[in-house]
Amino acid sequence: MKTTNLITIMRQGGAVMWPLYALLVITVVLSVERTITLIILWRKHEPVIKAQVEKPLSILDLIAMIAPVLGFLGTVTGMITAFKSVSEASSVQLQVVAAGLYEALFTTAFGLVISILATIASFALDLAIGALCEKEES
C-alpha cells in the first residue's frame, strides 16, 4: 500500500501547491496566535480594544478568498500540462492525460480546504472576540 504524506501531495500538485502551503501555514500560525492572545486577555480581565484584537482576522479573510483562486490556477496549469502531454504524445493514452488532471485536482482540493479552514478560524475567533468584548462591557 502506498503511503501519502504532505510532501508527496505537494510534489504531485505542482508549483501552485507551494504558495497554497504557505497560506496553510499562515492560517494555522495566525489562528493559534490569536487563540492564545484571546485566552491571555480573557484571564487578565483587562480592557480590550476590539479593533486591535480583530485586525489580524482580516488576513484570514483574505486567505479564505485567495486560496480557492490559487487552487483554480493550479487547475488551469494542470490542464495545460495535460494538453501539452497529449499534443506531444504519438498516441494518446489515459496515463498521458492523468498526470495533468491529477495535479489539477490536488491544487483545487487543497485550495478549497485552506479556504474552509481560514473561514472557520476567522468566524470562531470573531465570535470569541465578540464574547470577550461583551464581557468587558458588562
C-alpha atoms as a PDB file:
ATOM      1  CA  MET A   1       0.000   0.000   0.000  1.00  0.00           C
ATOM      2  CA  LYS A   2       1.333   3.403  -0.986  1.00  0.00           C
ATOM      3  CA  THR A   3       1.595   5.936   1.831  1.00  0.00           C
ATOM      4  CA  THR A   4       0.765   9.561   1.197  1.00  0.00           C
ATOM      5  CA  ASN A   5       2.158  12.407   3.254  1.00  0.00           C
ATOM      6  CA  LEU A   6       2.093  16.173   2.854  1.00  0.00           C
ATOM      7  CA  ILE A   7       5.399  16.330   0.958  1.00  0.00           C
ATOM      8  CA  THR A   8       4.168  13.748  -1.566  1.00  0.00           C
ATOM      9  CA  ILE A   9       0.959  15.696  -2.080  1.00  0.00           C
ATOM     10  CA  MET A  10       2.960  18.908  -2.520  1.00  0.00           C
ATOM     11  CA  ARG A  11       5.084  17.324  -5.252  1.00  0.00           C
ATOM     12  CA  GLN A  12       2.106  15.826  -7.042  1.00  0.00           C
ATOM     13  CA  GLY A  13       0.185  19.093  -7.006  1.00  0.00           C
ATOM     14  CA  GLY A  14       2.801  21.064  -8.919  1.00  0.00           C
ATOM     15  CA  ALA A  15       4.241  24.530  -8.424  1.00  0.00           C
ATOM     16  CA  VAL A  16       0.992  26.165  -7.275  1.00  0.00           C
ATOM     17  CA  MET A  17       0.937  23.920  -4.203  1.00  0.00           C
ATOM     18  CA  TRP A  18       3.827  25.811  -2.597  1.00  0.00           C
ATOM     19  CA  PRO A  19       2.017  29.165  -2.255  1.00  0.00           C
ATOM     20  CA  LEU A  20      -1.027  27.226  -1.085  1.00  0.00           C
ATOM     21  CA  TYR A  21       1.134  25.517   1.534  1.00  0.00           C
ATOM     22  CA  ALA A  22       2.396  28.946   2.658  1.00  0.00           C
ATOM     23  CA  LEU A  23      -1.227  30.088   3.054  1.00  0.00           C
ATOM     24  CA  LEU A  24      -1.967  26.970   5.107  1.00  0.00           C
ATOM     25  CA  VAL A  25       0.978  27.672   7.422  1.00  0.00           C
ATOM     26  CA  ILE A  26      -0.065  31.328   7.822  1.00  0.00           C
ATOM     27  CA  THR A  27      -3.639  30.236   8.591  1.00  0.00           C
ATOM     28  CA  VAL A  28      -2.552  27.772  11.273  1.00  0.00           C
ATOM     29  CA  VAL A  29       0.011  30.107  12.869  1.00  0.00           C
ATOM     30  CA  LEU A  30      -2.346  33.089  12.897  1.00  0.00           C
ATOM     31  CA  SER A  31      -5.215  31.022  14.292  1.00  0.00           C
ATOM     32  CA  VAL A  32      -3.081  29.619  17.109  1.00  0.00           C
ATOM     33  CA  GLU A  33      -1.583  33.047  17.890  1.00  0.00           C
ATOM     34  CA  ARG A  34      -5.000  34.737  18.047  1.00  0.00           C
ATOM     35  CA  THR A  35      -6.395  31.919  20.202  1.00  0.00           C
ATOM     36  CA  ILE A  36      -3.534  32.200  22.686  1.00  0.00           C
ATOM     37  CA  THR A  37      -3.858  36.008  22.717  1.00  0.00           C
ATOM     38  CA  LEU A  38      -7.594  35.798  23.421  1.00  0.00           C
ATOM     39  CA  ILE A  39      -7.073  33.279  26.218  1.00  0.00           C
ATOM     40  CA  ILE A  40      -4.471  35.546  27.841  1.00  0.00           C
ATOM     41  CA  LEU A  41      -6.743  38.597  27.526  1.00  0.00           C
ATOM     42  CA  TRP A  42      -9.666  36.618  28.950  1.00  0.00           C
ATOM     43  CA  ARG A  43      -7.629  35.616  32.022  1.00  0.00           C
ATOM     44  CA  LYS A  44      -6.166  39.083  32.648  1.00  0.00           C
ATOM     45  CA  HIS A  45      -9.575  40.796  32.702  1.00  0.00           C
ATOM     46  CA  GLU A  46      -8.050  43.912  31.113  1.00  0.00           C
ATOM     47  CA  PRO A  47      -9.984  46.272  28.830  1.00  0.00           C
ATOM     48  CA  VAL A  48      -9.819  45.156  25.213  1.00  0.00           C
ATOM     49  CA  ILE A  49      -9.966  47.382  22.144  1.00  0.00           C
ATOM     50  CA  LYS A  50     -11.978  45.311  19.694  1.00  0.00           C
ATOM     51  CA  ALA A  51     -10.430  46.866  16.573  1.00  0.00           C
ATOM     52  CA  GLN A  52      -6.892  45.966  17.660  1.00  0.00           C
ATOM     53  CA  VAL A  53      -7.752  42.375  18.504  1.00  0.00           C
ATOM     54  CA  GLU A  54      -9.788  41.907  15.306  1.00  0.00           C
ATOM     55  CA  LYS A  55      -7.257  43.423  12.910  1.00  0.00           C
ATOM     56  CA  PRO A  56      -5.279  40.217  12.182  1.00  0.00           C
ATOM     57  CA  LEU A  57      -8.502  38.398  11.320  1.00  0.00           C
ATOM     58  CA  SER A  58      -8.647  40.306   8.042  1.00  0.00           C
ATOM     59  CA  ILE A  59      -5.617  38.260   6.963  1.00  0.00           C
ATOM     60  CA  LEU A  60      -7.632  35.071   7.499  1.00  0.00           C
ATOM     61  CA  ASP A  61     -10.464  36.541   5.441  1.00  0.00           C
ATOM     62  CA  LEU A  62      -8.008  37.396   2.672  1.00  0.00           C
ATOM     63  CA  ILE A  63      -6.590  33.864   2.731  1.00  0.00           C
ATOM     64  CA  ALA A  64     -10.123  32.460   2.546  1.00  0.00           C
ATOM     65  CA  MET A  65     -10.609  34.461  -0.670  1.00  0.00           C
ATOM     66  CA  ILE A  66      -7.189  33.849  -2.251  1.00  0.00           C
ATOM     67  CA  ALA A  67      -6.776  30.104  -1.581  1.00  0.00           C
ATOM     68  CA  PRO A  68      -9.554  28.882  -3.920  1.00  0.00           C
ATOM     69  CA  VAL A  69      -8.331  31.204  -6.674  1.00  0.00           C
ATOM     70  CA  LEU A  70      -4.814  29.779  -6.351  1.00  0.00           C
ATOM     71  CA  GLY A  71      -6.345  26.295  -6.362  1.00  0.00           C
ATOM     72  CA  PHE A  72      -8.141  27.081  -9.608  1.00  0.00           C
ATOM     73  CA  LEU A  73      -4.890  28.459 -11.018  1.00  0.00           C
ATOM     74  CA  GLY A  74      -3.396  25.059 -10.244  1.00  0.00           C
ATOM     75  CA  THR A  75      -6.315  23.512 -12.128  1.00  0.00           C
ATOM     76  CA  VAL A  76      -5.504  25.606 -15.174  1.00  0.00           C
ATOM     77  CA  THR A  77      -1.791  24.785 -15.040  1.00  0.00           C
ATOM     78  CA  GLY A  78      -2.625  21.105 -14.586  1.00  0.00           C
ATOM     79  CA  MET A  79      -4.902  21.187 -17.623  1.00  0.00           C
ATOM     80  CA  ILE A  80      -2.180  22.942 -19.638  1.00  0.00           C
ATOM     81  CA  THR A  81       0.227  20.178 -18.628  1.00  0.00           C
ATOM     82  CA  ALA A  82      -2.312  17.521 -19.598  1.00  0.00           C
ATOM     83  CA  PHE A  83      -2.985  19.042 -23.020  1.00  0.00           C
ATOM     84  CA  LYS A  84       0.721  19.590 -23.633  1.00  0.00           C
ATOM     85  CA  SER A  85       1.340  15.928 -22.904  1.00  0.00           C
ATOM     86  CA  VAL A  86      -1.443  14.959 -25.304  1.00  0.00           C
ATOM     87  CA  SER A  87      -0.050  17.187 -28.055  1.00  0.00           C
ATOM     88  CA  GLU A  88       3.452  15.738 -27.662  1.00  0.00           C
ATOM     89  CA  ALA A  89       2.381  12.091 -27.487  1.00  0.00           C
ATOM     90  CA  SER A  90       2.369   9.959 -30.596  1.00  0.00           C
ATOM     91  CA  SER A  91      -0.659   8.059 -29.290  1.00  0.00           C
ATOM     92  CA  VAL A  92      -2.993   9.347 -26.624  1.00  0.00           C
ATOM     93  CA  GLN A  93      -3.321   7.119 -23.590  1.00  0.00           C
ATOM     94  CA  LEU A  94      -5.096   7.705 -20.318  1.00  0.00           C
ATOM     95  CA  GLN A  95      -1.794   7.820 -18.402  1.00  0.00           C
ATOM     96  CA  VAL A  96      -0.649  10.776 -20.518  1.00  0.00           C
ATOM     97  CA  VAL A  97      -3.670  12.865 -19.543  1.00  0.00           C
ATOM     98  CA  ALA A  98      -3.978  11.578 -15.973  1.00  0.00           C
ATOM     99  CA  ALA A  99      -0.838  13.274 -14.616  1.00  0.00           C
ATOM    100  CA  GLY A 100      -2.077  16.760 -15.512  1.00  0.00           C
ATOM    101  CA  LEU A 101      -5.571  16.048 -14.209  1.00  0.00           C
ATOM    102  CA  TYR A 102      -4.068  14.678 -11.008  1.00  0.00           C
ATOM    103  CA  GLU A 103      -2.178  17.943 -10.495  1.00  0.00           C
ATOM    104  CA  ALA A 104      -5.320  19.937 -11.257  1.00  0.00           C
ATOM    105  CA  LEU A 105      -7.456  18.073  -8.733  1.00  0.00           C
ATOM    106  CA  PHE A 106      -4.886  18.260  -5.940  1.00  0.00           C
ATOM    107  CA  THR A 107      -4.480  22.022  -6.172  1.00  0.00           C
ATOM    108  CA  THR A 108      -8.215  22.664  -6.364  1.00  0.00           C
ATOM    109  CA  ALA A 109      -8.953  20.468  -3.350  1.00  0.00           C
ATOM    110  CA  PHE A 110      -6.067  21.913  -1.326  1.00  0.00           C
ATOM    111  CA  GLY A 111      -7.128  25.489  -2.088  1.00  0.00           C
ATOM    112  CA  LEU A 112     -10.707  24.759  -1.035  1.00  0.00           C
ATOM    113  CA  VAL A 113      -9.599  23.054   2.188  1.00  0.00           C
ATOM    114  CA  ILE A 114      -7.421  26.038   3.116  1.00  0.00           C
ATOM    115  CA  SER A 115     -10.283  28.412   2.377  1.00  0.00           C
ATOM    116  CA  ILE A 116     -12.646  26.411   4.570  1.00  0.00           C
ATOM    117  CA  LEU A 117     -10.131  26.293   7.444  1.00  0.00           C
ATOM    118  CA  ALA A 118      -9.445  30.039   7.224  1.00  0.00           C
ATOM    119  CA  THR A 119     -13.177  30.834   7.122  1.00  0.00           C
ATOM    120  CA  ILE A 120     -13.954  28.643  10.139  1.00  0.00           C
ATOM    121  CA  ALA A 121     -11.000  30.049  12.100  1.00  0.00           C
ATOM    122  CA  SER A 122     -11.969  33.635  11.289  1.00  0.00           C
ATOM    123  CA  PHE A 123     -15.588  33.041  12.264  1.00  0.00           C
ATOM    124  CA  ALA A 124     -14.735  31.250  15.521  1.00  0.00           C
ATOM    125  CA  LEU A 125     -12.179  33.879  16.534  1.00  0.00           C
ATOM    126  CA  ASP A 126     -14.621  36.665  15.675  1.00  0.00           C
ATOM    127  CA  LEU A 127     -17.199  35.034  17.964  1.00  0.00           C
ATOM    128  CA  ALA A 128     -14.617  34.753  20.744  1.00  0.00           C
ATOM    129  CA  ILE A 129     -13.618  38.411  20.335  1.00  0.00           C
ATOM    130  CA  GLY A 130     -17.284  39.416  20.466  1.00  0.00           C
ATOM    131  CA  ALA A 131     -17.776  37.427  23.664  1.00  0.00           C
ATOM    132  CA  LEU A 132     -14.627  38.907  25.207  1.00  0.00           C
ATOM    133  CA  CYS A 133     -15.700  42.453  24.382  1.00  0.00           C
ATOM    134  CA  GLU A 134     -19.232  41.841  25.731  1.00  0.00           C
ATOM    135  CA  LYS A 135     -17.705  40.561  28.957  1.00  0.00           C
ATOM    136  CA  GLU A 136     -15.627  43.745  29.237  1.00  0.00           C
ATOM    137  CA  GLU A 137     -18.689  45.961  28.691  1.00  0.00           C
ATOM    138  CA  SER A 138     -20.752  44.291  31.422  1.00  0.00           C
END
